[in-house]
Protein backbone atom coordinates (compact mmCIF):
# COMPACT_ATOMS: atom_id res chain seq x y z
CA MET A 1 -20.86 -13.01 4.47
CA ASP A 2 -18.67 -16.55 4.37
CA PHE A 3 -15.38 -15.74 6.08
CA ASP A 4 -13.84 -19.03 4.90
CA LYS A 5 -14.43 -17.81 1.61
CA ALA A 6 -12.14 -14.82 2.37
CA ASN A 7 -9.97 -16.45 4.31
CA ALA A 8 -9.36 -19.11 1.36
CA ALA A 9 -8.71 -16.19 -0.58
CA LEU A 10 -6.48 -14.33 1.70
CA ASP A 11 -4.73 -18.01 1.76
CA SER A 12 -4.06 -17.89 -2.00
CA VAL A 13 -2.08 -14.76 -2.12
CA TYR A 14 0.14 -15.54 0.79
CA THR A 15 0.82 -18.30 -0.66
CA ALA A 16 1.51 -17.25 -4.38
CA ASP A 17 5.62 -18.14 -4.64
CA THR A 18 5.94 -15.85 -7.76
CA PRO A 19 4.78 -12.73 -8.75
CA GLU A 20 2.50 -14.42 -11.66
CA ALA A 21 1.03 -16.77 -9.36
CA LEU A 22 0.50 -13.83 -7.50
CA ALA A 23 -1.24 -12.04 -10.42
CA LYS A 24 -3.02 -14.44 -10.98
CA ALA A 25 -4.44 -14.66 -7.71
CA TYR A 26 -5.57 -11.18 -7.40
CA ALA A 27 -7.35 -11.71 -10.80
CA GLU A 28 -9.04 -14.63 -9.38
CA TRP A 29 -10.11 -12.45 -6.13
CA ALA A 30 -10.46 -9.32 -8.24
CA ALA A 31 -14.43 -9.29 -8.43
CA THR A 32 -15.42 -10.25 -4.81
CA TYR A 33 -12.40 -8.57 -3.65
CA ASP A 34 -14.09 -5.63 -1.71
CA SER A 35 -16.93 -7.36 -0.53
CA GLU A 36 -14.64 -10.32 1.18
CA THR A 37 -12.20 -7.78 3.07
CA ALA A 38 -15.15 -6.19 4.13
CA SER A 39 -16.50 -9.08 5.91
CA LEU A 40 -13.18 -9.82 7.65
CA GLY A 41 -13.12 -5.88 9.41
CA TYR A 42 -10.36 -5.07 6.92
CA LEU A 43 -9.41 -1.32 7.65
CA LEU A 44 -6.33 -0.28 6.48
CA PRO A 45 -7.07 1.55 2.63
CA PHE A 46 -9.45 3.75 4.65
CA LEU A 47 -7.09 4.70 8.30
CA ILE A 48 -4.44 5.39 6.41
CA THR A 49 -5.98 8.46 5.40
CA ALA A 50 -5.71 9.61 8.52
CA TRP A 51 -1.41 9.67 8.36
CA VAL A 52 -1.77 10.58 4.55
CA ALA A 53 -4.05 14.06 5.91
CA ARG A 54 -1.49 14.60 9.27
CA HIS A 55 1.18 15.09 7.24
CA VAL A 56 0.09 15.81 3.67
CA PRO A 57 -1.56 19.27 3.44
CA VAL A 58 -5.07 18.99 1.24
CA GLY A 59 -4.05 20.53 -2.28
CA GLU A 60 -0.74 19.08 -2.32
CA GLY A 61 0.21 15.94 -4.75
CA PRO A 62 0.41 14.42 -6.50
CA LEU A 63 -0.45 11.37 -3.93
CA LEU A 64 0.73 7.73 -5.54
CA ASP A 65 -1.28 4.79 -3.77
CA ALA A 66 1.47 2.50 -4.29
CA GLY A 67 -0.33 -0.95 -4.62
CA CYS A 68 -3.67 0.35 -5.05
CA GLY A 69 -5.62 -2.81 -5.69
CA THR A 70 -9.14 -2.24 -6.21
CA GLY A 71 -8.56 1.28 -5.51
CA LEU A 72 -10.53 1.59 -1.76
CA SER A 73 -8.54 4.17 -0.69
CA GLY A 74 -9.02 6.68 -3.39
CA PRO A 75 -12.62 7.67 -2.32
CA SER A 76 -11.77 8.36 0.80
CA LEU A 77 -8.74 11.11 0.02
CA LYS A 78 -11.12 12.39 -2.79
CA ALA A 79 -13.59 13.03 0.00
CA LEU A 80 -11.09 14.41 2.50
CA GLY A 81 -10.51 16.96 -0.72
CA TYR A 82 -7.05 14.91 -2.63
CA ALA A 83 -7.41 15.39 -5.95
CA ASP A 84 -4.45 13.77 -7.95
CA ILE A 85 -3.85 10.34 -7.22
CA ALA A 86 -1.99 8.02 -8.98
CA GLY A 87 -2.22 4.22 -8.74
CA LEU A 88 0.06 1.19 -9.95
CA ASP A 89 -1.05 -2.20 -9.02
CA LEU A 90 0.68 -5.47 -10.42
CA SER A 91 -3.28 -6.78 -11.54
CA ASP A 92 -5.12 -5.73 -14.45
CA ASP A 93 -8.50 -6.82 -13.03
CA MET A 94 -8.03 -4.83 -9.66
CA LEU A 95 -6.42 -1.77 -11.96
CA LYS A 96 -9.65 -2.08 -13.71
CA ILE A 97 -12.02 -1.74 -10.84
CA ALA A 98 -9.91 1.16 -8.90
CA GLY A 99 -10.53 3.20 -12.26
CA SER A 100 -14.35 2.27 -12.14
CA ARG A 101 -14.58 4.61 -8.77
CA ASN A 102 -13.32 7.63 -10.52
CA ALA A 103 -10.91 9.03 -7.97
CA TYR A 104 -7.40 8.35 -9.51
CA SER A 105 -5.68 10.94 -11.76
CA GLU A 106 -3.75 8.02 -13.63
CA LEU A 107 -3.49 4.10 -13.31
CA LYS A 108 -0.02 2.21 -14.33
CA LYS A 109 0.44 -1.80 -13.99
CA ALA A 110 3.80 -2.11 -12.50
CA MET A 111 5.10 -4.42 -9.45
CA LEU A 112 7.09 -3.41 -6.26
CA GLY A 113 10.75 -4.09 -5.80
CA GLY A 114 11.48 -3.16 -9.87
CA PRO A 115 11.41 0.06 -11.88
CA LEU A 116 8.49 2.24 -11.77
CA PRO A 117 7.56 4.30 -14.81
CA TRP A 118 7.64 7.77 -12.79
CA PRO A 119 11.08 10.25 -12.73
CA ASP A 120 12.34 10.50 -9.72
CA GLY A 121 10.90 13.21 -7.11
CA HIS A 122 7.72 13.25 -9.34
CA PHE A 123 5.69 12.43 -6.00
CA ARG A 124 4.37 14.60 -3.03
CA ALA A 125 3.98 11.78 -1.15
CA PHE A 126 2.93 8.13 -1.37
CA PHE A 127 0.88 5.28 0.55
CA SER A 128 0.75 1.87 0.73
CA THR A 129 -1.52 -0.50 2.87
CA GLY A 130 -1.53 -4.51 2.69
CA VAL A 131 1.51 -4.53 0.38
CA PHE A 132 4.27 -5.19 2.50
CA THR A 133 3.16 -8.23 3.46
CA ILE A 134 3.48 -12.10 3.41
CA GLY A 135 4.43 -13.18 -0.10
CA HIS A 136 3.70 -9.77 -1.48
CA ALA A 137 6.73 -6.62 -2.38
CA PRO A 138 10.05 -7.19 -0.94
CA ALA A 139 10.98 -3.91 1.62
CA SER A 140 13.88 -3.88 -1.61
CA GLY A 141 11.02 -1.84 -2.65
CA LEU A 142 11.49 1.18 -1.25
CA HIS A 143 14.20 2.49 -2.26
CA GLU A 144 12.56 3.01 -5.48
CA LEU A 145 9.34 4.34 -4.14
CA VAL A 146 11.87 6.81 -2.03
CA HIS A 147 13.40 7.82 -5.25
CA ILE A 148 10.27 9.03 -6.95
CA THR A 149 9.24 10.60 -4.09
CA ARG A 150 9.95 14.32 -3.96
CA ARG A 151 12.32 16.00 -1.17
CA GLY A 152 10.20 17.24 1.77
CA GLY A 153 7.71 14.47 0.71
CA HIS A 154 6.41 11.33 2.82
CA ALA A 155 6.53 7.65 2.87
CA ILE A 156 3.64 6.35 4.96
CA PHE A 157 2.81 2.87 4.79
CA THR A 158 2.35 0.07 6.43
CA VAL A 159 3.68 -3.25 7.46
CA ARG A 160 2.92 -6.52 8.51
CA ASP A 161 4.42 -7.83 11.96
CA GLN A 162 4.85 -11.42 10.34
CA VAL A 163 7.51 -9.83 7.62
CA PHE A 164 8.86 -7.07 9.36
CA GLU A 165 11.83 -9.05 10.57
CA SER A 166 11.79 -11.80 7.83
CA GLY A 167 12.07 -9.28 5.60
CA GLY A 168 15.04 -7.02 6.26
CA PHE A 169 12.56 -4.03 6.61
CA GLN A 170 14.76 -2.56 9.63
CA ASP A 171 17.49 -3.05 7.30
CA VAL A 172 16.09 -1.13 4.68
CA PHE A 173 14.91 1.36 7.05
CA ASP A 174 18.58 2.19 8.37
CA SER A 175 20.44 2.07 5.10
CA LEU A 176 17.88 4.56 3.22
CA GLU A 177 18.39 6.71 6.91
CA ARG A 178 22.38 6.50 6.61
CA GLU A 179 22.54 7.63 3.25
CA GLU A 180 20.46 10.43 4.73
CA LYS A 181 17.37 9.79 2.00
CA TRP A 182 14.53 9.69 4.71
CA ARG A 183 14.26 10.35 8.45
CA PRO A 184 11.62 9.20 10.62
CA VAL A 185 8.59 11.01 11.79
CA GLU A 186 6.22 8.48 13.10
CA GLU A 187 4.96 4.85 13.91
CA SER A 188 2.15 3.51 14.86
CA PRO A 189 1.37 0.82 18.01
CA TRP A 190 1.04 -2.48 16.32
CA PHE A 191 -2.51 -2.83 15.44
CA ARG A 192 -5.07 -5.21 13.85
CA CYS A 193 -5.61 -4.45 10.51
CA TYR A 194 -8.81 -6.85 10.34
CA ALA A 195 -11.81 -5.13 12.88
CA ILE A 196 -13.58 -8.81 12.68
CA GLY A 197 -11.38 -11.60 11.35
CA ASP A 198 -8.37 -12.77 11.81
CA PRO A 199 -7.42 -10.88 15.11
CA GLU A 200 -3.92 -11.88 15.16
CA ALA A 201 -3.01 -9.99 12.10
CA LEU A 202 -1.47 -7.18 13.20
CA VAL A 203 0.54 -4.28 11.15
CA LYS A 204 2.43 -1.17 12.01
CA THR A 205 2.21 2.01 10.29
CA PHE A 206 5.27 4.39 9.08
CA VAL A 207 5.76 7.47 8.00
CA PHE A 208 9.10 8.91 6.93
CA GLU A 209 10.02 12.59 5.45
CA VAL A 210 12.27 11.99 2.04
CA VAL A 211 14.83 14.02 2.47
């Protein structure tokens, strides 16, 4: 597998400076996304299932895969017994591939940071990987995700190290806690999101309970 090609695709999504440019970059990458991220040892879509299973009992739902991409997390969660999973993404091309996996109960096109097409309190939990990263969803997108998650539910997501401070994530975390919208449950240490390539790319997983 050509690491250079995979890294070039990563660069194209990290440097997109508008939502339209980001959607275009993912449309161009969709067909080879799975194989190229696999060549780098991309862990997050599979590893996030461990945190979901830790905090959400099997049989409870629905779950939201926020920024589902090609739907890599869906089949893993389905294999673990989670049957009611919705997905959202900004790319039609990625959603089409996600739909082919037969793991999602519904798929909708939307962008984090704006209104989302579900009512308040709809989901038992949302999870999100590789979305709160360079040039992608803003920290402010967490507010709407929390609104559509029910009380007692969970917010489970990763944040890239390079945007945690510059993107104002701690401010949003603190704001939601002050407003008594959520409380912190768990956070991981910083860890590599690519087991093979890019050893300096670090993320942290956060878990909050919606209150």
